[in-house]
Amino acid sequence: MLPTPEMIRSYISAGLKCEHVEVTGDGAHFEAIIVSDAFAGKRPIARHQLVYAALGDRMKEEIHALSMRTLTPEEFKAQR
């Protein structure tokens, strides 16, 4: 069964405390906007590693590609 955007969102939310998670995709390729206090003071690669840790082995087995924007709540508010 191909993962859905809702499944990816729930996986991320279960493994990382987030204020906002938005996921779109077609079952193989996904795009996500992830907003978390955990990203404060971290470079983009460290932020992505937090998301990959939340997804665990699903990145190897279920999810073919995930493009993500990782923002702190302050960054997210500034972009709105």
N, C-alpha and C. Protein backbone atom coordinates (compact mmCIF):
# COMPACT_ATOMS: atom_id res chain seq x y z
N MET A 1 0.84 -1.19 0.00
CA MET A 1 0.00 0.00 0.00
C MET A 1 0.89 1.25 0.00
N LEU A 2 0.59 2.16 -0.89
CA LEU A 2 1.34 3.41 -0.95
C LEU A 2 0.93 4.31 0.21
N PRO A 3 1.91 5.02 0.78
CA PRO A 3 1.56 5.95 1.85
C PRO A 3 0.78 7.14 1.30
N THR A 4 -0.06 7.71 2.14
CA THR A 4 -0.82 8.91 1.77
C THR A 4 -0.22 10.11 2.48
N PRO A 5 -0.53 11.32 2.02
CA PRO A 5 -0.06 12.50 2.74
C PRO A 5 -0.50 12.49 4.21
N GLU A 6 -1.70 12.00 4.47
CA GLU A 6 -2.19 11.95 5.85
C GLU A 6 -1.35 11.01 6.71
N MET A 7 -0.94 9.89 6.13
CA MET A 7 -0.09 8.95 6.85
C MET A 7 1.26 9.58 7.17
N ILE A 8 1.86 10.25 6.20
CA ILE A 8 3.16 10.90 6.42
C ILE A 8 3.03 11.95 7.51
N ARG A 9 1.96 12.74 7.45
CA ARG A 9 1.73 13.76 8.47
C ARG A 9 1.63 13.13 9.85
N SER A 10 0.91 12.03 9.96
CA SER A 10 0.76 11.39 11.27
C SER A 10 2.08 10.78 11.74
N TYR A 11 2.88 10.23 10.84
CA TYR A 11 4.19 9.69 11.22
C TYR A 11 5.08 10.80 11.79
N ILE A 12 5.12 11.94 11.10
CA ILE A 12 5.96 13.05 11.55
C ILE A 12 5.47 13.56 12.90
N SER A 13 4.16 13.77 13.01
CA SER A 13 3.58 14.29 14.25
C SER A 13 3.79 13.35 15.43
N ALA A 14 3.81 12.05 15.18
CA ALA A 14 4.00 11.07 16.26
C ALA A 14 5.43 11.07 16.78
N GLY A 15 6.38 11.43 15.92
CA GLY A 15 7.78 11.36 16.31
C GLY A 15 8.45 12.68 16.60
N LEU A 16 7.73 13.79 16.36
CA LEU A 16 8.31 15.12 16.55
C LEU A 16 7.20 16.07 16.97
N LYS A 17 7.41 16.78 18.05
CA LYS A 17 6.39 17.73 18.51
C LYS A 17 6.34 18.90 17.53
N CYS A 18 5.21 19.04 16.86
CA CYS A 18 5.06 20.05 15.82
C CYS A 18 3.86 20.95 16.12
N GLU A 19 3.98 22.19 15.71
CA GLU A 19 2.85 23.11 15.78
C GLU A 19 1.99 23.02 14.52
N HIS A 20 2.63 22.65 13.42
CA HIS A 20 1.93 22.59 12.14
C HIS A 20 2.66 21.60 11.24
N VAL A 21 1.91 20.72 10.59
CA VAL A 21 2.47 19.81 9.59
C VAL A 21 1.49 19.75 8.42
N GLU A 22 2.01 20.06 7.26
CA GLU A 22 1.20 20.05 6.04
C GLU A 22 1.93 19.20 5.02
N VAL A 23 1.28 18.17 4.49
CA VAL A 23 1.92 17.25 3.55
C VAL A 23 1.04 17.09 2.32
N THR A 24 1.66 17.18 1.17
CA THR A 24 0.99 16.90 -0.10
C THR A 24 1.84 15.86 -0.83
N GLY A 25 1.22 15.14 -1.75
CA GLY A 25 1.98 14.18 -2.52
C GLY A 25 1.11 13.18 -3.25
N ASP A 26 1.78 12.31 -3.99
CA ASP A 26 1.08 11.38 -4.87
C ASP A 26 1.29 9.91 -4.53
N GLY A 27 1.83 9.62 -3.36
CA GLY A 27 2.08 8.24 -2.98
C GLY A 27 3.54 7.84 -3.08
N ALA A 28 4.30 8.55 -3.88
CA ALA A 28 5.73 8.27 -4.00
C ALA A 28 6.56 9.51 -3.67
N HIS A 29 6.12 10.66 -4.14
CA HIS A 29 6.83 11.92 -3.91
C HIS A 29 5.95 12.82 -3.04
N PHE A 30 6.57 13.37 -1.99
CA PHE A 30 5.83 14.20 -1.05
C PHE A 30 6.54 15.52 -0.80
N GLU A 31 5.75 16.52 -0.45
CA GLU A 31 6.27 17.82 -0.02
C GLU A 31 5.64 18.12 1.33
N ALA A 32 6.46 18.65 2.25
CA ALA A 32 5.95 18.92 3.59
C ALA A 32 6.43 20.28 4.09
N ILE A 33 5.55 20.92 4.84
CA ILE A 33 5.90 22.10 5.62
C ILE A 33 5.75 21.66 7.07
N ILE A 34 6.84 21.75 7.81
CA ILE A 34 6.87 21.27 9.18
C ILE A 34 7.31 22.41 10.08
N VAL A 35 6.50 22.72 11.08
CA VAL A 35 6.78 23.83 12.00
C VAL A 35 6.95 23.25 13.40
N SER A 36 8.13 23.49 13.99
CA SER A 36 8.42 22.93 15.31
C SER A 36 9.40 23.81 16.07
N ASP A 37 9.19 23.92 17.38
CA ASP A 37 10.15 24.60 18.25
C ASP A 37 11.48 23.86 18.27
N ALA A 38 11.46 22.57 17.98
CA ALA A 38 12.68 21.76 18.00
C ALA A 38 13.71 22.23 16.97
N PHE A 39 13.27 23.01 15.98
CA PHE A 39 14.17 23.48 14.93
C PHE A 39 14.94 24.74 15.33
N ALA A 40 14.58 25.36 16.42
CA ALA A 40 15.22 26.61 16.85
C ALA A 40 16.73 26.42 17.01
N GLY A 41 17.49 27.31 16.39
CA GLY A 41 18.94 27.29 16.51
C GLY A 41 19.63 26.21 15.70
N LYS A 42 18.89 25.48 14.88
CA LYS A 42 19.48 24.39 14.10
C LYS A 42 19.58 24.77 12.62
N ARG A 43 20.61 24.28 11.99
CA ARG A 43 20.78 24.47 10.54
C ARG A 43 19.80 23.55 9.80
N PRO A 44 19.55 23.84 8.53
CA PRO A 44 18.59 23.01 7.78
C PRO A 44 18.88 21.51 7.82
N ILE A 45 20.13 21.10 7.70
CA ILE A 45 20.44 19.67 7.70
C ILE A 45 20.06 19.02 9.03
N ALA A 46 20.29 19.72 10.13
CA ALA A 46 19.93 19.18 11.45
C ALA A 46 18.41 19.10 11.60
N ARG A 47 17.71 20.06 11.03
CA ARG A 47 16.24 20.04 11.07
C ARG A 47 15.72 18.84 10.29
N HIS A 48 16.29 18.61 9.11
CA HIS A 48 15.86 17.48 8.29
C HIS A 48 16.16 16.16 8.99
N GLN A 49 17.28 16.10 9.68
CA GLN A 49 17.63 14.87 10.40
C GLN A 49 16.61 14.57 11.49
N LEU A 50 16.07 15.60 12.14
CA LEU A 50 15.02 15.40 13.15
C LEU A 50 13.77 14.78 12.50
N VAL A 51 13.42 15.26 11.32
CA VAL A 51 12.25 14.72 10.61
C VAL A 51 12.53 13.28 10.17
N TYR A 52 13.72 13.04 9.62
CA TYR A 52 14.07 11.68 9.21
C TYR A 52 14.03 10.72 10.40
N ALA A 53 14.49 11.19 11.56
CA ALA A 53 14.44 10.35 12.76
C ALA A 53 13.00 10.02 13.13
N ALA A 54 12.10 11.00 12.98
CA ALA A 54 10.68 10.77 13.28
C ALA A 54 10.08 9.75 12.31
N LEU A 55 10.53 9.76 11.07
CA LEU A 55 10.00 8.83 10.07
C LEU A 55 10.65 7.46 10.16
N GLY A 56 11.84 7.39 10.70
CA GLY A 56 12.53 6.11 10.87
C GLY A 56 12.74 5.36 9.57
N ASP A 57 12.54 4.05 9.60
CA ASP A 57 12.77 3.20 8.42
C ASP A 57 11.78 3.45 7.30
N ARG A 58 10.74 4.19 7.57
CA ARG A 58 9.76 4.48 6.50
C ARG A 58 10.40 5.22 5.34
N MET A 59 11.46 6.00 5.62
CA MET A 59 12.15 6.71 4.54
C MET A 59 12.85 5.73 3.60
N LYS A 60 13.21 4.57 4.08
CA LYS A 60 13.87 3.56 3.25
C LYS A 60 12.87 2.65 2.57
N GLU A 61 11.75 2.40 3.24
CA GLU A 61 10.83 1.37 2.76
C GLU A 61 9.57 1.91 2.07
N GLU A 62 8.96 2.95 2.62
CA GLU A 62 7.66 3.40 2.11
C GLU A 62 7.72 4.70 1.30
N ILE A 63 8.59 5.60 1.70
CA ILE A 63 8.60 6.94 1.13
C ILE A 63 9.75 7.07 0.15
N HIS A 64 9.40 7.30 -1.11
CA HIS A 64 10.43 7.40 -2.15
C HIS A 64 11.17 8.73 -2.07
N ALA A 65 10.43 9.82 -1.91
CA ALA A 65 11.05 11.15 -1.88
C ALA A 65 10.22 12.09 -1.02
N LEU A 66 10.92 12.88 -0.23
CA LEU A 66 10.26 13.86 0.63
C LEU A 66 11.03 15.17 0.57
N SER A 67 10.38 16.18 0.04
CA SER A 67 10.93 17.53 0.02
C SER A 67 10.29 18.27 1.19
N MET A 68 11.09 18.96 1.99
CA MET A 68 10.50 19.60 3.16
C MET A 68 11.03 20.99 3.42
N ARG A 69 10.13 21.80 3.95
CA ARG A 69 10.47 23.12 4.49
C ARG A 69 10.30 22.98 6.00
N THR A 70 11.37 23.20 6.73
CA THR A 70 11.35 23.06 8.18
C THR A 70 11.52 24.45 8.79
N LEU A 71 10.52 24.86 9.56
CA LEU A 71 10.49 26.22 10.10
C LEU A 71 10.21 26.22 11.59
N THR A 72 10.76 27.23 12.27
CA THR A 72 10.35 27.47 13.65
C THR A 72 9.00 28.19 13.60
N PRO A 73 8.27 28.23 14.70
CA PRO A 73 7.00 28.96 14.70
C PRO A 73 7.17 30.43 14.31
N GLU A 74 8.25 31.05 14.74
CA GLU A 74 8.51 32.46 14.40
C GLU A 74 8.75 32.63 12.90
N GLU A 75 9.52 31.72 12.30
CA GLU A 75 9.77 31.78 10.86
C GLU A 75 8.47 31.58 10.09
N PHE A 76 7.65 30.65 10.55
CA PHE A 76 6.38 30.36 9.89
C PHE A 76 5.47 31.57 9.93
N LYS A 77 5.37 32.22 11.09
CA LYS A 77 4.52 33.41 11.24
C LYS A 77 5.02 34.54 10.36
N ALA A 78 6.32 34.69 10.25
CA ALA A 78 6.90 35.77 9.44
C ALA A 78 6.62 35.56 7.95
N GLN A 79 6.46 34.33 7.53
CA GLN A 79 6.21 34.05 6.12
C GLN A 79 4.72 34.11 5.76
N ARG A 80 3.88 34.21 6.75
CA ARG A 80 2.44 34.25 6.48
C ARG A 80 1.98 35.66 6.23
